[in-house]
Amino acid sequence: MRVELLVVPNCPHENVASQRLRQALDDAGHATTPVEVRTMTAEAVAGTPEFAGSPTILLDGVDPFAEHATGPGAFSCRVYRCEAGLSGAPSTEQLRQVLRR
């Protein structure tokens, strides 16, 4: 499985997204799966239709949270709907659920 974390420079949610993603991967039996972090430039955003704001998580090139996205992302932050409300990253439980699919 290819796992990518797409972020804009200095994304305030990069660390929490990375930590939650790593925990969910470990919990789902993918402890050896690397997470490729890609820092997006304005040009890269224009050429990456999967990018829906920072951070965007791609599993084998697919955004598992795309149905909640508001369209192609701008060079800006992304908001996720989580169990506890809005967050700058999906919850660890949400990530576990998409990894089980």
N, C-alpha and C. Protein backbone atom coordinates (compact mmCIF):
# COMPACT_ATOMS: atom_id res chain seq x y z
N MET A 1 0.84 -1.16 0.00
CA MET A 1 0.00 0.00 0.00
C MET A 1 0.89 1.24 0.00
N ARG A 2 0.52 2.20 -0.81
CA ARG A 2 1.24 3.48 -0.84
C ARG A 2 0.45 4.49 -0.02
N VAL A 3 1.10 5.11 0.95
CA VAL A 3 0.46 6.07 1.83
C VAL A 3 1.18 7.41 1.67
N GLU A 4 0.40 8.44 1.33
CA GLU A 4 0.96 9.77 1.15
C GLU A 4 0.23 10.77 2.04
N LEU A 5 0.98 11.69 2.57
CA LEU A 5 0.44 12.80 3.35
C LEU A 5 0.83 14.07 2.60
N LEU A 6 -0.16 14.74 2.03
CA LEU A 6 0.09 15.95 1.25
C LEU A 6 -0.18 17.15 2.13
N VAL A 7 0.80 18.04 2.24
CA VAL A 7 0.69 19.21 3.11
C VAL A 7 1.25 20.44 2.41
N VAL A 8 0.75 21.59 2.82
CA VAL A 8 1.34 22.85 2.37
C VAL A 8 2.48 23.18 3.33
N PRO A 9 3.41 24.03 2.94
CA PRO A 9 4.50 24.40 3.84
C PRO A 9 3.97 24.95 5.16
N ASN A 10 4.59 24.55 6.25
CA ASN A 10 4.25 25.01 7.60
C ASN A 10 2.81 24.70 8.01
N CYS A 11 2.27 23.59 7.50
CA CYS A 11 0.90 23.20 7.84
C CYS A 11 0.81 22.97 9.35
N PRO A 12 -0.10 23.65 10.04
CA PRO A 12 -0.21 23.49 11.49
C PRO A 12 -0.77 22.13 11.91
N HIS A 13 -1.31 21.37 10.97
CA HIS A 13 -1.92 20.08 11.29
C HIS A 13 -1.09 18.89 10.81
N GLU A 14 0.07 19.16 10.23
CA GLU A 14 0.90 18.08 9.70
C GLU A 14 1.30 17.08 10.78
N ASN A 15 1.77 17.56 11.91
CA ASN A 15 2.26 16.65 12.95
C ASN A 15 1.16 15.77 13.50
N VAL A 16 0.00 16.35 13.81
CA VAL A 16 -1.09 15.54 14.36
C VAL A 16 -1.59 14.55 13.32
N ALA A 17 -1.69 14.96 12.07
CA ALA A 17 -2.13 14.05 11.01
C ALA A 17 -1.13 12.90 10.85
N SER A 18 0.15 13.24 10.86
CA SER A 18 1.20 12.23 10.74
C SER A 18 1.17 11.24 11.90
N GLN A 19 1.02 11.75 13.11
CA GLN A 19 0.99 10.88 14.30
C GLN A 19 -0.23 9.96 14.29
N ARG A 20 -1.39 10.51 13.97
CA ARG A 20 -2.61 9.70 13.92
C ARG A 20 -2.54 8.65 12.81
N LEU A 21 -2.00 9.05 11.66
CA LEU A 21 -1.86 8.12 10.55
C LEU A 21 -0.92 6.99 10.90
N ARG A 22 0.21 7.30 11.51
CA ARG A 22 1.17 6.28 11.91
C ARG A 22 0.55 5.31 12.92
N GLN A 23 -0.18 5.85 13.90
CA GLN A 23 -0.84 5.01 14.91
C GLN A 23 -1.86 4.08 14.26
N ALA A 24 -2.67 4.62 13.36
CA ALA A 24 -3.69 3.81 12.69
C ALA A 24 -3.05 2.73 11.82
N LEU A 25 -1.98 3.07 11.12
CA LEU A 25 -1.28 2.06 10.32
C LEU A 25 -0.72 0.95 11.20
N ASP A 26 -0.09 1.33 12.30
CA ASP A 26 0.46 0.34 13.23
C ASP A 26 -0.65 -0.55 13.77
N ASP A 27 -1.77 0.04 14.18
CA ASP A 27 -2.89 -0.71 14.74
C ASP A 27 -3.51 -1.66 13.72
N ALA A 28 -3.46 -1.28 12.45
CA ALA A 28 -4.07 -2.09 11.39
C ALA A 28 -3.11 -3.13 10.82
N GLY A 29 -1.93 -3.28 11.43
CA GLY A 29 -0.98 -4.28 10.97
C GLY A 29 -0.08 -3.83 9.84
N HIS A 30 0.04 -2.54 9.66
CA HIS A 30 0.88 -1.98 8.58
C HIS A 30 2.06 -1.20 9.17
N ALA A 31 2.67 -1.76 10.21
CA ALA A 31 3.75 -1.06 10.91
C ALA A 31 4.95 -0.76 10.02
N THR A 32 5.15 -1.56 8.99
CA THR A 32 6.32 -1.34 8.12
C THR A 32 5.99 -0.48 6.90
N THR A 33 4.74 -0.06 6.77
CA THR A 33 4.35 0.77 5.63
C THR A 33 4.83 2.20 5.86
N PRO A 34 5.64 2.71 4.95
CA PRO A 34 6.12 4.09 5.12
C PRO A 34 5.04 5.10 4.74
N VAL A 35 5.14 6.28 5.31
CA VAL A 35 4.27 7.40 4.95
C VAL A 35 5.14 8.40 4.21
N GLU A 36 4.79 8.65 2.97
CA GLU A 36 5.51 9.62 2.16
C GLU A 36 4.87 10.99 2.36
N VAL A 37 5.61 11.94 2.90
CA VAL A 37 5.11 13.30 3.09
C VAL A 37 5.53 14.12 1.87
N ARG A 38 4.54 14.72 1.23
CA ARG A 38 4.79 15.57 0.07
C ARG A 38 4.37 17.00 0.40
N THR A 39 5.33 17.91 0.37
CA THR A 39 5.02 19.32 0.58
C THR A 39 4.59 19.90 -0.76
N MET A 40 3.39 20.44 -0.76
CA MET A 40 2.80 20.92 -2.00
C MET A 40 3.17 22.38 -2.26
N THR A 41 3.53 22.64 -3.50
CA THR A 41 3.74 24.02 -3.96
C THR A 41 2.47 24.43 -4.69
N ALA A 42 2.33 25.69 -5.00
CA ALA A 42 1.16 26.16 -5.74
C ALA A 42 1.05 25.42 -7.08
N GLU A 43 2.18 25.18 -7.72
CA GLU A 43 2.18 24.47 -9.00
C GLU A 43 1.76 23.02 -8.81
N ALA A 44 2.23 22.38 -7.75
CA ALA A 44 1.87 20.98 -7.49
C ALA A 44 0.39 20.85 -7.17
N VAL A 45 -0.17 21.81 -6.45
CA VAL A 45 -1.60 21.78 -6.13
C VAL A 45 -2.42 21.81 -7.40
N ALA A 46 -2.02 22.66 -8.34
CA ALA A 46 -2.75 22.77 -9.61
C ALA A 46 -2.72 21.46 -10.39
N GLY A 47 -1.65 20.69 -10.24
CA GLY A 47 -1.51 19.43 -10.98
C GLY A 47 -1.91 18.20 -10.20
N THR A 48 -2.50 18.37 -9.02
CA THR A 48 -2.87 17.23 -8.18
C THR A 48 -4.34 17.35 -7.81
N PRO A 49 -5.23 16.81 -8.65
CA PRO A 49 -6.67 16.96 -8.38
C PRO A 49 -7.12 16.28 -7.09
N GLU A 50 -6.35 15.32 -6.59
CA GLU A 50 -6.71 14.63 -5.35
C GLU A 50 -6.50 15.50 -4.11
N PHE A 51 -5.72 16.57 -4.25
CA PHE A 51 -5.42 17.44 -3.12
C PHE A 51 -6.65 18.28 -2.78
N ALA A 52 -7.15 18.12 -1.54
CA ALA A 52 -8.36 18.83 -1.11
C ALA A 52 -8.06 19.74 0.07
N GLY A 53 -6.85 20.23 0.16
CA GLY A 53 -6.44 21.06 1.27
C GLY A 53 -5.47 20.30 2.16
N SER A 54 -4.81 21.03 3.02
CA SER A 54 -3.74 20.45 3.84
C SER A 54 -4.22 20.17 5.26
N PRO A 55 -4.04 18.95 5.73
CA PRO A 55 -3.41 17.80 5.09
C PRO A 55 -4.43 16.95 4.32
N THR A 56 -3.97 16.35 3.24
CA THR A 56 -4.75 15.35 2.50
C THR A 56 -4.00 14.04 2.61
N ILE A 57 -4.72 12.98 2.93
CA ILE A 57 -4.13 11.64 3.03
C ILE A 57 -4.59 10.85 1.83
N LEU A 58 -3.64 10.23 1.14
CA LEU A 58 -3.95 9.38 0.00
C LEU A 58 -3.51 7.95 0.30
N LEU A 59 -4.40 7.01 0.07
CA LEU A 59 -4.09 5.58 0.18
C LEU A 59 -4.17 5.01 -1.22
N ASP A 60 -3.04 4.58 -1.74
CA ASP A 60 -2.94 4.11 -3.12
C ASP A 60 -3.54 5.13 -4.09
N GLY A 61 -3.25 6.41 -3.83
CA GLY A 61 -3.67 7.48 -4.72
C GLY A 61 -5.09 7.96 -4.54
N VAL A 62 -5.82 7.40 -3.57
CA VAL A 62 -7.23 7.75 -3.36
C VAL A 62 -7.39 8.44 -2.00
N ASP A 63 -8.17 9.51 -1.98
CA ASP A 63 -8.49 10.22 -0.75
C ASP A 63 -9.70 9.54 -0.12
N PRO A 64 -9.51 8.80 0.99
CA PRO A 64 -10.64 8.08 1.59
C PRO A 64 -11.67 9.01 2.24
N PHE A 65 -11.37 10.29 2.33
CA PHE A 65 -12.28 11.25 2.93
C PHE A 65 -12.82 12.22 1.86
N ALA A 66 -12.72 11.86 0.61
CA ALA A 66 -13.09 12.75 -0.49
C ALA A 66 -14.56 13.15 -0.45
N GLU A 67 -15.44 12.27 0.02
CA GLU A 67 -16.86 12.61 0.04
C GLU A 67 -17.16 13.78 0.96
N HIS A 68 -16.25 14.08 1.88
CA HIS A 68 -16.43 15.20 2.79
C HIS A 68 -15.70 16.46 2.31
N ALA A 69 -14.94 16.32 1.25
CA ALA A 69 -14.18 17.47 0.73
C ALA A 69 -15.12 18.38 -0.06
N THR A 70 -14.75 19.63 -0.13
CA THR A 70 -15.59 20.60 -0.83
C THR A 70 -15.10 20.87 -2.25
N GLY A 71 -14.33 19.98 -2.80
CA GLY A 71 -13.81 20.16 -4.14
C GLY A 71 -12.30 20.24 -4.10
N PRO A 72 -11.69 20.50 -5.25
CA PRO A 72 -10.23 20.59 -5.28
C PRO A 72 -9.73 21.62 -4.28
N GLY A 73 -8.69 21.24 -3.60
CA GLY A 73 -8.18 22.10 -2.53
C GLY A 73 -7.42 23.29 -3.05
N ALA A 74 -7.51 24.31 -2.30
CA ALA A 74 -6.70 25.48 -2.56
C ALA A 74 -5.42 25.29 -1.75
N PHE A 75 -4.58 26.24 -1.85
CA PHE A 75 -3.32 26.22 -1.11
C PHE A 75 -3.65 26.66 0.31
N SER A 76 -4.40 25.80 1.02
CA SER A 76 -4.91 26.18 2.34
C SER A 76 -5.15 24.96 3.22
N CYS A 77 -5.65 25.21 4.42
CA CYS A 77 -5.95 24.14 5.38
C CYS A 77 -7.23 23.40 4.99
N ARG A 78 -7.32 22.19 5.47
CA ARG A 78 -8.50 21.35 5.27
C ARG A 78 -9.11 21.05 6.64
N VAL A 79 -10.42 20.93 6.68
CA VAL A 79 -11.12 20.63 7.92
C VAL A 79 -11.82 19.29 7.75
N TYR A 80 -11.72 18.44 8.79
CA TYR A 80 -12.35 17.12 8.80
C TYR A 80 -13.45 17.10 9.86
N ARG A 81 -14.53 16.39 9.56
CA ARG A 81 -15.58 16.16 10.55
C ARG A 81 -15.20 14.91 11.33
N CYS A 82 -15.02 15.07 12.63
CA CYS A 82 -14.62 13.96 13.49
C CYS A 82 -15.70 13.72 14.55
N GLU A 83 -15.51 12.67 15.31
CA GLU A 83 -16.47 12.33 16.35
C GLU A 83 -16.69 13.49 17.33
N ALA A 84 -15.64 14.22 17.63
CA ALA A 84 -15.70 15.30 18.60
C ALA A 84 -15.96 16.67 17.96
N GLY A 85 -16.21 16.71 16.67
CA GLY A 85 -16.44 17.98 15.98
C GLY A 85 -15.46 18.17 14.83
N LEU A 86 -15.19 19.41 14.49
CA LEU A 86 -14.28 19.71 13.39
C LEU A 86 -12.83 19.64 13.86
N SER A 87 -11.97 19.16 12.98
CA SER A 87 -10.55 19.00 13.31
C SER A 87 -9.71 19.24 12.06
N GLY A 88 -8.46 19.55 12.27
CA GLY A 88 -7.53 19.76 11.17
C GLY A 88 -6.97 18.47 10.60
N ALA A 89 -7.37 17.32 11.17
CA ALA A 89 -6.91 16.00 10.70
C ALA A 89 -7.97 14.97 11.08
N PRO A 90 -8.08 13.90 10.32
CA PRO A 90 -9.02 12.85 10.72
C PRO A 90 -8.58 12.22 12.03
N SER A 91 -9.54 11.69 12.77
CA SER A 91 -9.20 11.03 14.04
C SER A 91 -8.50 9.70 13.76
N THR A 92 -7.82 9.20 14.77
CA THR A 92 -7.16 7.91 14.64
C THR A 92 -8.19 6.83 14.33
N GLU A 93 -9.35 6.89 14.95
CA GLU A 93 -10.40 5.90 14.70
C GLU A 93 -10.91 5.97 13.26
N GLN A 94 -11.10 7.17 12.73
CA GLN A 94 -11.52 7.31 11.33
C GLN A 94 -10.48 6.69 10.40
N LEU A 95 -9.22 6.92 10.70
CA LEU A 95 -8.15 6.35 9.88
C LEU A 95 -8.13 4.83 9.99
N ARG A 96 -8.32 4.29 11.20
CA ARG A 96 -8.40 2.83 11.36
C ARG A 96 -9.52 2.26 10.49
N GLN A 97 -10.66 2.93 10.49
CA GLN A 97 -11.81 2.45 9.73
C GLN A 97 -11.52 2.40 8.24
N VAL A 98 -10.88 3.44 7.69
CA VAL A 98 -10.61 3.42 6.25
C VAL A 98 -9.52 2.40 5.91
N LEU A 99 -8.63 2.13 6.84
CA LEU A 99 -7.60 1.13 6.59
C LEU A 99 -8.15 -0.29 6.63
N ARG A 100 -9.27 -0.49 7.32
CA ARG A 100 -9.90 -1.82 7.37
C ARG A 100 -10.65 -2.15 6.10
N ARG A 101 -11.02 -1.13 5.32
CA ARG A 101 -11.78 -1.36 4.08
C ARG A 101 -10.98 -2.05 3.03
